Protein backbone atom coordinates (compact mmCIF):
# COMPACT_ATOMS: atom_id res chain seq x y z
CA MET A 1 -0.02 0.01 -0.04
CA LYS A 2 2.86 2.48 0.88
CA ASP A 3 4.57 1.56 -2.36
CA SER A 4 1.42 2.34 -4.31
CA LYS A 5 1.11 5.72 -2.62
CA ALA A 6 4.70 6.62 -3.27
CA LEU A 7 4.39 5.48 -6.93
CA LEU A 8 1.18 7.63 -7.35
CA VAL A 9 2.89 10.67 -5.70
CA GLY A 10 6.01 10.24 -7.79
CA MET A 11 3.97 9.96 -11.01
CA ALA A 12 1.87 13.08 -9.96
CA ILE A 13 5.20 15.09 -9.39
CA MET A 14 6.51 13.91 -12.78
CA ALA A 15 3.37 14.93 -14.47
CA MET A 16 3.32 18.30 -12.90
CA VAL A 17 6.98 18.95 -13.84
CA GLY A 18 6.36 17.72 -17.36
CA LEU A 19 3.38 19.89 -17.77
CA GLY A 20 4.87 22.87 -16.08
CA GLY A 21 7.57 23.18 -18.64
CA CYS A 22 5.11 23.44 -21.56
CA CYS A 23 2.82 25.94 -20.06
CA GLY A 24 5.20 28.88 -20.04
CA GLY A 25 4.71 32.28 -21.28
CA GLY A 26 5.16 31.52 -24.93
CA SER A 27 8.08 31.63 -27.08
CA THR A 28 10.38 34.65 -27.81
CA THR A 29 12.20 35.15 -31.05
CA VAL A 30 15.43 36.99 -30.84
CA LYS A 31 16.51 38.53 -34.11
CA GLU A 32 20.37 38.86 -34.40
CA GLN A 33 21.60 42.17 -35.61
CA PRO A 34 24.55 42.21 -38.02
CA ILE A 35 27.83 43.28 -36.71
CA THR A 36 28.98 46.61 -37.92
CA THR A 37 32.28 48.30 -37.44
CA THR A 38 32.89 52.01 -37.49
CA THR A 39 36.29 53.59 -38.32
CA THR A 40 37.03 56.97 -36.95
CA THR A 41 39.78 58.87 -38.57
CA THR A 42 41.42 61.66 -36.57
CA THR A 43 44.24 63.96 -37.59
CA LEU A 44 47.60 64.13 -35.90
CA GLY A 45 46.70 67.58 -34.67
CA GLU A 46 43.43 66.41 -33.26
CA GLU A 47 45.17 63.63 -31.37
CA LEU A 48 47.84 65.84 -30.06
CA LYS A 49 45.19 68.45 -28.93
CA SER A 50 43.16 65.76 -27.08
CA LEU A 51 46.32 64.52 -25.45
CA ARG A 52 47.31 68.00 -24.32
CA ASP A 53 43.77 68.61 -23.04
CA ALA A 54 44.13 65.58 -20.94
CA TYR A 55 47.40 66.73 -19.59
CA ASP A 56 46.09 70.28 -18.83
CA ARG A 57 43.16 68.74 -17.00
CA GLY A 58 45.41 66.66 -14.80
CA ILE A 59 44.13 63.34 -16.21
CA ILE A 60 47.61 62.17 -17.20
CA THR A 61 50.99 63.12 -15.86
CA GLU A 62 53.80 64.97 -17.81
CA LYS A 63 55.69 61.82 -18.19
CA GLU A 64 52.56 60.04 -19.69
CA TYR A 65 51.89 63.07 -21.85
CA ASN A 66 55.42 63.08 -23.38
CA ALA A 67 55.51 59.33 -23.82
CA SER A 68 52.08 59.24 -25.56
CA LYS A 69 52.88 62.24 -27.69
CA GLU A 70 56.11 60.53 -28.89
CA LYS A 71 54.17 57.31 -29.67
CA ILE A 72 51.44 59.01 -31.52
CA ILE A 73 53.89 61.01 -33.70
CA LYS A 74 56.04 57.85 -34.47
CA GLN A 75 52.87 55.89 -35.39
CA ARG A 76 51.62 58.59 -37.63
CA THR A 77 54.98 59.19 -39.43
CA ALA A 78 55.34 55.42 -39.91
CA THR A 79 51.73 55.25 -41.33
CA ASP A 80 52.05 58.26 -43.61
CA SER A 81 55.30 56.91 -45.07
CA LYS A 82 53.65 53.66 -46.29
């Protein structure tokens, strides 16, 4: 008798779990957006001006300013000569 009750309870639980999964809120379709890339072109002057602005505002140190300035100039002159 105990085995019968346990079996019935187990079957009832299985039925509830099984039915609970199919009675959800409906399906949702997600439309994937294509990946786009944006290229922003700045001039050497604009980059140096932004860098100087960061230095003047205290965002970067003088050492960082000078190192970044040299790096930007080297990259630009290397790119321009190609």
